[in-house]
């Protein structure tokens, strides 16, 4: 329904209705993305909406879920390993 209403803007400022759909919805997406950058917490340790007990429980669950996995840098040997993995191209 929103796209139908925006499409009725056909001819305003010399743009077609379909262009207005992309312009308005694209601007909305950009505004949401910029706001999300500042509102979404990166790490549980930095969250302000969790109390201490919830934070400890969350960190425990994350460590149990992670298992042996760890975050590494993407160095040249890792890059070679990633790009030579056939599953990447088949998936």
Protein backbone atom coordinates (compact mmCIF):
# COMPACT_ATOMS: atom_id res chain seq x y z
CA UNK A 1 0.00 0.00 0.00
CA UNK A 2 2.88 2.35 0.75
CA UNK A 3 4.42 1.74 -2.67
CA UNK A 4 1.05 2.39 -4.29
CA UNK A 5 0.72 5.70 -2.44
CA UNK A 6 4.28 6.73 -3.30
CA UNK A 7 3.76 5.75 -6.94
CA UNK A 8 0.99 8.37 -7.06
CA UNK A 9 3.78 10.98 -6.72
CA UNK A 10 4.40 10.48 -10.43
CA UNK A 11 5.63 13.68 -12.02
CA UNK A 12 6.68 15.54 -8.86
CA UNK A 13 10.08 17.19 -9.39
CA UNK A 14 10.23 15.47 -12.77
CA UNK A 15 10.63 11.95 -11.34
CA UNK A 16 8.49 8.95 -12.16
CA UNK A 17 6.52 7.24 -9.44
CA UNK A 18 8.78 4.20 -9.40
CA UNK A 19 11.79 6.46 -8.79
CA UNK A 20 10.06 8.02 -5.80
CA UNK A 21 9.54 4.53 -4.36
CA UNK A 22 13.27 3.85 -4.53
CA UNK A 23 14.23 7.31 -3.24
CA UNK A 24 11.92 7.33 -0.22
CA UNK A 25 12.42 3.71 0.78
CA UNK A 26 16.18 4.04 0.24
CA UNK A 27 16.37 7.12 2.45
CA UNK A 28 14.35 5.31 5.11
CA UNK A 29 16.81 2.40 4.98
CA UNK A 30 19.80 4.74 5.32
CA UNK A 31 18.27 6.50 8.33
CA UNK A 32 17.56 3.16 10.04
CA UNK A 33 21.11 1.93 9.30
CA UNK A 34 22.76 5.04 10.76
CA UNK A 35 20.55 4.91 13.86
CA UNK A 36 21.30 1.19 14.29
CA UNK A 37 25.02 1.87 14.30
CA UNK A 38 24.60 3.86 17.51
CA UNK A 39 21.77 1.88 19.13
CA UNK A 40 22.89 -1.75 18.73
CA UNK A 41 25.43 -2.94 21.29
CA UNK A 42 28.51 -4.66 19.89
CA UNK A 43 29.38 -6.84 22.90
CA UNK A 44 27.40 -8.09 25.91
CA UNK A 45 29.98 -6.54 28.26
CA UNK A 46 29.00 -3.07 27.01
CA UNK A 47 25.23 -3.51 27.24
CA UNK A 48 23.31 -1.15 29.49
CA UNK A 49 19.97 -2.97 29.37
CA UNK A 50 21.27 -6.14 31.11
CA UNK A 51 21.78 -6.37 34.85
CA UNK A 52 24.91 -8.08 36.23
CA UNK A 53 23.26 -11.47 36.68
CA UNK A 54 21.88 -11.50 33.12
CA UNK A 55 25.23 -10.39 31.71
CA UNK A 56 27.09 -13.21 33.51
CA UNK A 57 24.52 -15.77 32.31
CA UNK A 58 24.74 -14.50 28.72
CA UNK A 59 28.53 -14.59 28.70
CA UNK A 60 28.47 -18.13 30.10
CA UNK A 61 26.01 -19.29 27.44
CA UNK A 62 28.06 -17.67 24.69
CA UNK A 63 31.26 -19.34 25.89
CA UNK A 64 29.49 -22.72 26.01
CA UNK A 65 28.02 -22.23 22.55
CA UNK A 66 31.29 -21.11 21.01
CA UNK A 67 33.21 -24.25 21.97
CA UNK A 68 36.64 -24.35 20.36
CA UNK A 69 35.92 -21.63 17.81
CA UNK A 70 37.87 -18.40 18.11
CA UNK A 71 38.10 -15.15 16.22
CA UNK A 72 41.30 -14.86 14.22
CA UNK A 73 42.63 -12.31 11.85
CA UNK A 74 42.23 -12.76 8.14
CA UNK A 75 45.90 -13.07 7.28
CA UNK A 76 47.28 -14.30 3.97
CA UNK A 77 47.22 -18.00 4.88
CA UNK A 78 43.63 -17.77 6.11
CA UNK A 79 42.64 -15.85 2.99
CA UNK A 80 44.18 -18.55 0.81
CA UNK A 81 42.39 -21.26 2.82
CA UNK A 82 39.04 -19.47 2.50
CA UNK A 83 39.23 -18.79 -1.22
CA UNK A 84 40.51 -22.29 -2.06
CA UNK A 85 37.66 -23.99 -0.17
CA UNK A 86 35.41 -25.69 -2.72
CA UNK A 87 32.38 -25.47 -0.38
CA UNK A 88 32.44 -21.70 -0.79
CA UNK A 89 31.87 -22.00 -4.52
CA UNK A 90 29.41 -24.89 -4.39
CA UNK A 91 27.23 -23.26 -1.73
